[in-house]
Amino acid sequence: TSLNPVYKVGVQIAESLRLHEGMDKKAAHDR
């Protein structure tokens, strides 16, 4: 109920990094 079913798992983790840490798309995905 906490993970969005229509987004890939990696994208959901990377979104937090891009929003709060200011990472670019590739750096966030790698992290």
PDB file of all heavy atoms in Angstrom:
ATOM      1  N   THR A   1       0.816  -1.205   0.000  1.00  0.00           N
ATOM      2  CA  THR A   1       0.000   0.000   0.000  1.00  0.00           C
ATOM      3  C   THR A   1       0.855   1.262   0.000  1.00  0.00           C
ATOM      4  O   THR A   1       0.320   2.365  -0.100  1.00  0.00           O
ATOM      5  CB  THR A   1      -0.923   0.025   1.243  1.00  0.00           C
ATOM      6  OG1 THR A   1      -0.121   0.005   2.426  1.00  0.00           O
ATOM      7  CG2 THR A   1      -1.848  -1.181   1.258  1.00  0.00           C
ATOM      8  N   SER A   2       2.167   1.106   0.112  1.00  0.00           N
ATOM      9  CA  SER A   2       3.068   2.258   0.155  1.00  0.00           C
ATOM     10  C   SER A   2       3.815   2.470  -1.151  1.00  0.00           C
ATOM     11  O   SER A   2       4.282   3.572  -1.417  1.00  0.00           O
ATOM     12  CB  SER A   2       4.075   2.085   1.297  1.00  0.00           C
ATOM     13  OG  SER A   2       3.419   1.852   2.518  1.00  0.00           O
ATOM     14  N   LEU A   3       3.946   1.415  -1.936  1.00  0.00           N
ATOM     15  CA  LEU A   3       4.591   1.523  -3.242  1.00  0.00           C
ATOM     16  C   LEU A   3       3.528   1.753  -4.310  1.00  0.00           C
ATOM     17  O   LEU A   3       2.484   1.102  -4.303  1.00  0.00           O
ATOM     18  CB  LEU A   3       5.381   0.243  -3.545  1.00  0.00           C
ATOM     19  CG  LEU A   3       6.589  -0.035  -2.654  1.00  0.00           C
ATOM     20  CD1 LEU A   3       7.119  -1.450  -2.894  1.00  0.00           C
ATOM     21  CD2 LEU A   3       7.692   0.985  -2.876  1.00  0.00           C
ATOM     22  N   ASN A   4       3.804   2.661  -5.221  1.00  0.00           N
ATOM     23  CA  ASN A   4       2.851   2.968  -6.292  1.00  0.00           C
ATOM     24  C   ASN A   4       2.887   1.848  -7.334  1.00  0.00           C
ATOM     25  O   ASN A   4       3.940   1.571  -7.912  1.00  0.00           O
ATOM     26  CB  ASN A   4       3.215   4.305  -6.945  1.00  0.00           C
ATOM     27  CG  ASN A   4       2.106   4.839  -7.836  1.00  0.00           C
ATOM     28  OD1 ASN A   4       1.474   4.089  -8.569  1.00  0.00           O
ATOM     29  ND2 ASN A   4       1.872   6.138  -7.769  1.00  0.00           N
ATOM     30  N   PRO A   5       1.755   1.189  -7.594  1.00  0.00           N
ATOM     31  CA  PRO A   5       1.770   0.023  -8.487  1.00  0.00           C
ATOM     32  C   PRO A   5       2.057   0.349  -9.953  1.00  0.00           C
ATOM     33  O   PRO A   5       2.376  -0.557 -10.728  1.00  0.00           O
ATOM     34  CB  PRO A   5       0.365  -0.564  -8.319  1.00  0.00           C
ATOM     35  CG  PRO A   5      -0.482   0.589  -7.896  1.00  0.00           C
ATOM     36  CD  PRO A   5       0.412   1.448  -7.051  1.00  0.00           C
ATOM     37  N   VAL A   6       1.949   1.613 -10.367  1.00  0.00           N
ATOM     38  CA  VAL A   6       2.109   1.943 -11.791  1.00  0.00           C
ATOM     39  C   VAL A   6       3.494   2.506 -12.115  1.00  0.00           C
ATOM     40  O   VAL A   6       3.747   2.871 -13.262  1.00  0.00           O
ATOM     41  CB  VAL A   6       1.014   2.935 -12.257  1.00  0.00           C
ATOM     42  CG1 VAL A   6      -0.360   2.352 -12.033  1.00  0.00           C
ATOM     43  CG2 VAL A   6       1.152   4.285 -11.537  1.00  0.00           C
ATOM     44  N   TYR A   7       4.373   2.581 -11.125  1.00  0.00           N
ATOM     45  CA  TYR A   7       5.740   3.048 -11.366  1.00  0.00           C
ATOM     46  C   TYR A   7       6.732   1.954 -11.006  1.00  0.00           C
ATOM     47  O   TYR A   7       6.535   1.205 -10.042  1.00  0.00           O
ATOM     48  CB  TYR A   7       6.051   4.296 -10.546  1.00  0.00           C
ATOM     49  CG  TYR A   7       5.343   5.539 -11.021  1.00  0.00           C
ATOM     50  CD1 TYR A   7       4.184   5.988 -10.403  1.00  0.00           C
ATOM     51  CD2 TYR A   7       5.835   6.263 -12.111  1.00  0.00           C
ATOM     52  CE1 TYR A   7       3.523   7.127 -10.840  1.00  0.00           C
ATOM     53  CE2 TYR A   7       5.181   7.407 -12.559  1.00  0.00           C
ATOM     54  CZ  TYR A   7       4.029   7.820 -11.924  1.00  0.00           C
ATOM     55  OH  TYR A   7       3.381   8.943 -12.371  1.00  0.00           O
ATOM     56  N   LYS A   8       7.808   1.883 -11.765  1.00  0.00           N
ATOM     57  CA  LYS A   8       8.854   0.911 -11.471  1.00  0.00           C
ATOM     58  C   LYS A   8       9.503   1.216 -10.125  1.00  0.00           C
ATOM     59  O   LYS A   8       9.588   2.368  -9.708  1.00  0.00           O
ATOM     60  CB  LYS A   8       9.902   0.921 -12.587  1.00  0.00           C
ATOM     61  CG  LYS A   8       9.347   0.483 -13.944  1.00  0.00           C
ATOM     62  CD  LYS A   8      10.387   0.634 -15.043  1.00  0.00           C
ATOM     63  CE  LYS A   8       9.792   0.237 -16.396  1.00  0.00           C
ATOM     64  NZ  LYS A   8      10.747   0.420 -17.507  1.00  0.00           N
ATOM     65  N   VAL A   9       9.965   0.164  -9.474  1.00  0.00           N
ATOM     66  CA  VAL A   9      10.521   0.311  -8.125  1.00  0.00           C
ATOM     67  C   VAL A   9      11.720   1.257  -8.123  1.00  0.00           C
ATOM     68  O   VAL A   9      11.837   2.147  -7.266  1.00  0.00           O
ATOM     69  CB  VAL A   9      10.911  -1.071  -7.566  1.00  0.00           C
ATOM     70  CG1 VAL A   9      11.714  -0.915  -6.274  1.00  0.00           C
ATOM     71  CG2 VAL A   9       9.676  -1.912  -7.318  1.00  0.00           C
ATOM     72  N   GLY A  10      12.607   1.112  -9.078  1.00  0.00           N
ATOM     73  CA  GLY A  10      13.777   1.979  -9.145  1.00  0.00           C
ATOM     74  C   GLY A  10      13.415   3.437  -9.332  1.00  0.00           C
ATOM     75  O   GLY A  10      14.046   4.335  -8.749  1.00  0.00           O
ATOM     76  N   VAL A  11      12.391   3.688 -10.123  1.00  0.00           N
ATOM     77  CA  VAL A  11      11.931   5.060 -10.365  1.00  0.00           C
ATOM     78  C   VAL A  11      11.411   5.676  -9.066  1.00  0.00           C
ATOM     79  O   VAL A  11      11.665   6.855  -8.783  1.00  0.00           O
ATOM     80  CB  VAL A  11      10.834   5.072 -11.455  1.00  0.00           C
ATOM     81  CG1 VAL A  11      10.163   6.443 -11.531  1.00  0.00           C
ATOM     82  CG2 VAL A  11      11.427   4.697 -12.805  1.00  0.00           C
ATOM     83  N   GLN A  12      10.701   4.881  -8.251  1.00  0.00           N
ATOM     84  CA  GLN A  12      10.134   5.410  -7.007  1.00  0.00           C
ATOM     85  C   GLN A  12      11.225   5.761  -6.005  1.00  0.00           C
ATOM     86  O   GLN A  12      11.127   6.766  -5.294  1.00  0.00           O
ATOM     87  CB  GLN A  12       9.160   4.391  -6.416  1.00  0.00           C
ATOM     88  CG  GLN A  12       7.951   4.147  -7.307  1.00  0.00           C
ATOM     89  CD  GLN A  12       6.909   3.274  -6.652  1.00  0.00           C
ATOM     90  OE1 GLN A  12       6.409   3.587  -5.575  1.00  0.00           O
ATOM     91  NE2 GLN A  12       6.552   2.180  -7.308  1.00  0.00           N
ATOM     92  N   ILE A  13      12.271   4.950  -5.936  1.00  0.00           N
ATOM     93  CA  ILE A  13      13.383   5.266  -5.035  1.00  0.00           C
ATOM     94  C   ILE A  13      14.149   6.483  -5.555  1.00  0.00           C
ATOM     95  O   ILE A  13      14.508   7.388  -4.791  1.00  0.00           O
ATOM     96  CB  ILE A  13      14.317   4.057  -4.894  1.00  0.00           C
ATOM     97  CG1 ILE A  13      13.558   2.870  -4.283  1.00  0.00           C
ATOM     98  CG2 ILE A  13      15.533   4.408  -4.031  1.00  0.00           C
ATOM     99  CD1 ILE A  13      14.348   1.583  -4.263  1.00  0.00           C
ATOM    100  N   ALA A  14      14.374   6.528  -6.866  1.00  0.00           N
ATOM    101  CA  ALA A  14      15.116   7.640  -7.465  1.00  0.00           C
ATOM    102  C   ALA A  14      14.364   8.959  -7.317  1.00  0.00           C
ATOM    103  O   ALA A  14      14.977  10.022  -7.175  1.00  0.00           O
ATOM    104  CB  ALA A  14      15.376   7.349  -8.945  1.00  0.00           C
ATOM    105  N   GLU A  15      13.022   8.896  -7.329  1.00  0.00           N
ATOM    106  CA  GLU A  15      12.232  10.124  -7.205  1.00  0.00           C
ATOM    107  C   GLU A  15      12.525  10.842  -5.894  1.00  0.00           C
ATOM    108  O   GLU A  15      12.646  12.072  -5.856  1.00  0.00           O
ATOM    109  CB  GLU A  15      10.746   9.789  -7.289  1.00  0.00           C
ATOM    110  CG  GLU A  15       9.833  11.004  -7.166  1.00  0.00           C
ATOM    111  CD  GLU A  15       8.368  10.636  -7.138  1.00  0.00           C
ATOM    112  OE1 GLU A  15       8.049   9.462  -6.854  1.00  0.00           O
ATOM    113  OE2 GLU A  15       7.536  11.522  -7.392  1.00  0.00           O
ATOM    114  N   SER A  16      12.658  10.069  -4.821  1.00  0.00           N
ATOM    115  CA  SER A  16      12.969  10.669  -3.517  1.00  0.00           C
ATOM    116  C   SER A  16      14.334  11.339  -3.545  1.00  0.00           C
ATOM    117  O   SER A  16      14.518  12.443  -3.001  1.00  0.00           O
ATOM    118  CB  SER A  16      12.930   9.582  -2.445  1.00  0.00           C
ATOM    119  OG  SER A  16      13.294  10.103  -1.187  1.00  0.00           O
ATOM    120  N   LEU A  17      15.303  10.708  -4.185  1.00  0.00           N
ATOM    121  CA  LEU A  17      16.656  11.271  -4.273  1.00  0.00           C
ATOM    122  C   LEU A  17      16.681  12.541  -5.121  1.00  0.00           C
ATOM    123  O   LEU A  17      17.375  13.503  -4.799  1.00  0.00           O
ATOM    124  CB  LEU A  17      17.608  10.228  -4.860  1.00  0.00           C
ATOM    125  CG  LEU A  17      17.868   9.006  -3.968  1.00  0.00           C
ATOM    126  CD1 LEU A  17      18.478   7.868  -4.776  1.00  0.00           C
ATOM    127  CD2 LEU A  17      18.779   9.376  -2.807  1.00  0.00           C
ATOM    128  N   ARG A  18      15.924  12.567  -6.195  1.00  0.00           N
ATOM    129  CA  ARG A  18      15.882  13.752  -7.045  1.00  0.00           C
ATOM    130  C   ARG A  18      15.179  14.907  -6.344  1.00  0.00           C
ATOM    131  O   ARG A  18      15.582  16.072  -6.455  1.00  0.00           O
ATOM    132  CB  ARG A  18      15.174  13.425  -8.364  1.00  0.00           C
ATOM    133  CG  ARG A  18      15.908  12.400  -9.213  1.00  0.00           C
ATOM    134  CD  ARG A  18      15.193  12.113 -10.515  1.00  0.00           C
ATOM    135  NE  ARG A  18      15.238  13.289 -11.401  1.00  0.00           N
ATOM    136  CZ  ARG A  18      14.629  13.344 -12.567  1.00  0.00           C
ATOM    137  NH1 ARG A  18      13.902  12.319 -12.996  1.00  0.00           N
ATOM    138  NH2 ARG A  18      14.723  14.429 -13.324  1.00  0.00           N
ATOM    139  N   LEU A  19      14.122  14.578  -5.593  1.00  0.00           N
ATOM    140  CA  LEU A  19      13.346  15.615  -4.912  1.00  0.00           C
ATOM    141  C   LEU A  19      14.100  16.210  -3.739  1.00  0.00           C
ATOM    142  O   LEU A  19      14.169  17.439  -3.587  1.00  0.00           O
ATOM    143  CB  LEU A  19      12.007  15.026  -4.440  1.00  0.00           C
ATOM    144  CG  LEU A  19      11.096  15.951  -3.627  1.00  0.00           C
ATOM    145  CD1 LEU A  19      10.626  17.118  -4.485  1.00  0.00           C
ATOM    146  CD2 LEU A  19       9.901  15.177  -3.076  1.00  0.00           C
ATOM    147  N   HIS A  20      14.676  15.351  -2.899  1.00  0.00           N
ATOM    148  CA  HIS A  20      15.274  15.827  -1.652  1.00  0.00           C
ATOM    149  C   HIS A  20      16.788  16.064  -1.734  1.00  0.00           C
ATOM    150  O   HIS A  20      17.322  16.891  -0.995  1.00  0.00           O
ATOM    151  CB  HIS A  20      14.990  14.842  -0.519  1.00  0.00           C
ATOM    152  CG  HIS A  20      13.540  14.706  -0.178  1.00  0.00           C
ATOM    153  ND1 HIS A  20      12.792  15.748   0.315  1.00  0.00           N
ATOM    154  CD2 HIS A  20      12.695  13.649  -0.271  1.00  0.00           C
ATOM    155  CE1 HIS A  20      11.553  15.339   0.519  1.00  0.00           C
ATOM    156  NE2 HIS A  20      11.468  14.074   0.176  1.00  0.00           N
ATOM    157  N   GLU A  21      17.473  15.328  -2.619  1.00  0.00           N
ATOM    158  CA  GLU A  21      18.930  15.437  -2.701  1.00  0.00           C
ATOM    159  C   GLU A  21      19.399  16.209  -3.928  1.00  0.00           C
ATOM    160  O   GLU A  21      20.585  16.493  -4.063  1.00  0.00           O
ATOM    161  CB  GLU A  21      19.560  14.039  -2.706  1.00  0.00           C
ATOM    162  CG  GLU A  21      19.236  13.199  -1.475  1.00  0.00           C
ATOM    163  CD  GLU A  21      19.830  13.772  -0.212  1.00  0.00           C
ATOM    164  OE1 GLU A  21      21.009  14.174  -0.243  1.00  0.00           O
ATOM    165  OE2 GLU A  21      19.125  13.835   0.814  1.00  0.00           O
ATOM    166  N   GLY A  22      18.483  16.526  -4.834  1.00  0.00           N
ATOM    167  CA  GLY A  22      18.836  17.301  -6.016  1.00  0.00           C
ATOM    168  C   GLY A  22      19.674  16.549  -7.038  1.00  0.00           C
ATOM    169  O   GLY A  22      20.361  17.168  -7.861  1.00  0.00           O
ATOM    170  N   MET A  23      19.618  15.222  -7.017  1.00  0.00           N
ATOM    171  CA  MET A  23      20.406  14.433  -7.966  1.00  0.00           C
ATOM    172  C   MET A  23      19.785  14.497  -9.359  1.00  0.00           C
ATOM    173  O   MET A  23      18.565  14.657  -9.494  1.00  0.00           O
ATOM    174  CB  MET A  23      20.469  12.966  -7.518  1.00  0.00           C
ATOM    175  CG  MET A  23      21.284  12.701  -6.277  1.00  0.00           C
ATOM    176  SD  MET A  23      21.383  10.910  -5.944  1.00  0.00           S
ATOM    177  CE  MET A  23      22.398  10.916  -4.472  1.00  0.00           C
ATOM    178  N   ASP A  24      20.643  14.320 -10.376  1.00  0.00           N
ATOM    179  CA  ASP A  24      20.089  14.206 -11.727  1.00  0.00           C
ATOM    180  C   ASP A  24      19.548  12.788 -11.929  1.00  0.00           C
ATOM    181  O   ASP A  24      19.718  11.903 -11.077  1.00  0.00           O
ATOM    182  CB  ASP A  24      21.119  14.569 -12.792  1.00  0.00           C
ATOM    183  CG  ASP A  24      22.354  13.660 -12.782  1.00  0.00           C
ATOM    184  OD1 ASP A  24      22.211  12.447 -12.495  1.00  0.00           O
ATOM    185  OD2 ASP A  24      23.461  14.154 -13.044  1.00  0.00           O
ATOM    186  N   LYS A  25      18.900  12.566 -13.065  1.00  0.00           N
ATOM    187  CA  LYS A  25      18.191  11.309 -13.297  1.00  0.00           C
ATOM    188  C   LYS A  25      19.115  10.098 -13.231  1.00  0.00           C
ATOM    189  O   LYS A  25      18.794   9.089 -12.596  1.00  0.00           O
ATOM    190  CB  LYS A  25      17.487  11.364 -14.654  1.00  0.00           C
ATOM    191  CG  LYS A  25      16.579  10.179 -14.935  1.00  0.00           C
ATOM    192  CD  LYS A  25      15.814  10.379 -16.235  1.00  0.00           C
ATOM    193  CE  LYS A  25      14.874   9.215 -16.505  1.00  0.00           C
ATOM    194  NZ  LYS A  25      14.093   9.421 -17.766  1.00  0.00           N
ATOM    195  N   LYS A  26      20.284  10.189 -13.869  1.00  0.00           N
ATOM    196  CA  LYS A  26      21.200   9.043 -13.897  1.00  0.00           C
ATOM    197  C   LYS A  26      21.786   8.762 -12.518  1.00  0.00           C
ATOM    198  O   LYS A  26      21.856   7.603 -12.077  1.00  0.00           O
ATOM    199  CB  LYS A  26      22.327   9.289 -14.895  1.00  0.00           C
ATOM    200  CG  LYS A  26      23.259   8.078 -15.050  1.00  0.00           C
ATOM    201  CD  LYS A  26      24.369   8.350 -16.033  1.00  0.00           C
ATOM    202  CE  LYS A  26      25.207   7.082 -16.271  1.00  0.00           C
ATOM    203  NZ  LYS A  26      25.701   6.493 -15.017  1.00  0.00           N
ATOM    204  N   ALA A  27      22.232   9.796 -11.824  1.00  0.00           N
ATOM    205  CA  ALA A  27      22.816   9.612 -10.493  1.00  0.00           C
ATOM    206  C   ALA A  27      21.797   9.018  -9.528  1.00  0.00           C
ATOM    207  O   ALA A  27      22.121   8.142  -8.718  1.00  0.00           O
ATOM    208  CB  ALA A  27      23.344  10.942  -9.965  1.00  0.00           C
ATOM    209  N   ALA A  28      20.558   9.488  -9.624  1.00  0.00           N
ATOM    210  CA  ALA A  28      19.503   8.977  -8.749  1.00  0.00           C
ATOM    211  C   ALA A  28      19.215   7.511  -9.054  1.00  0.00           C
ATOM    212  O   ALA A  28      19.016   6.694  -8.142  1.00  0.00           O
ATOM    213  CB  ALA A  28      18.240   9.817  -8.906  1.00  0.00           C
ATOM    214  N   HIS A  29      19.185   7.162 -10.346  1.00  0.00           N
ATOM    215  CA  HIS A  29      18.940   5.759 -10.723  1.00  0.00           C
ATOM    216  C   HIS A  29      20.069   4.867 -10.226  1.00  0.00           C
ATOM    217  O   HIS A  29      19.816   3.779  -9.672  1.00  0.00           O
ATOM    218  CB  HIS A  29      18.804   5.640 -12.239  1.00  0.00           C
ATOM    219  CG  HIS A  29      18.712   4.211 -12.709  1.00  0.00           C
ATOM    220  ND1 HIS A  29      17.561   3.471 -12.598  1.00  0.00           N
ATOM    221  CD2 HIS A  29      19.655   3.382 -13.271  1.00  0.00           C
ATOM    222  CE1 HIS A  29      17.775   2.253 -13.069  1.00  0.00           C
ATOM    223  NE2 HIS A  29      19.029   2.180 -13.484  1.00  0.00           N
ATOM    224  N   ASP A  30      21.313   5.303 -10.403  1.00  0.00           N
ATOM    225  CA  ASP A  30      22.455   4.504  -9.963  1.00  0.00           C
ATOM    226  C   ASP A  30      22.428   4.295  -8.450  1.00  0.00           C
ATOM    227  O   ASP A  30      22.730   3.200  -7.956  1.00  0.00           O
ATOM    228  CB  ASP A  30      23.768   5.177 -10.365  1.00  0.00           C
ATOM    229  CG  ASP A  30      23.994   5.168 -11.873  1.00  0.00           C
ATOM    230  OD1 ASP A  30      23.298   4.398 -12.570  1.00  0.00           O
ATOM    231  OD2 ASP A  30      24.858   5.941 -12.354  1.00  0.00           O
ATOM    232  N   ARG A  31      22.067   5.350  -7.732  1.00  0.00           N
ATOM    233  CA  ARG A  31      21.983   5.230  -6.274  1.00  0.00           C
ATOM    234  C   ARG A  31      20.829   4.306  -5.869  1.00  0.00           C
ATOM    235  O   ARG A  31      20.964   3.537  -4.910  1.00  0.00           O
ATOM    236  CB  ARG A  31      21.793   6.620  -5.660  1.00  0.00           C
ATOM    237  CG  ARG A  31      21.613   6.637  -4.146  1.00  0.00           C
ATOM    238  CD  ARG A  31      22.787   6.029  -3.407  1.00  0.00           C
ATOM    239  NE  ARG A  31      22.621   6.136  -1.967  1.00  0.00           N
ATOM    240  CZ  ARG A  31      23.282   5.403  -1.078  1.00  0.00           C
ATOM    241  NH1 ARG A  31      24.175   4.515  -1.495  1.00  0.00           N
ATOM    242  NH2 ARG A  31      23.068   5.559   0.198  1.00  0.00           N
TER     243      ARG A  31
END
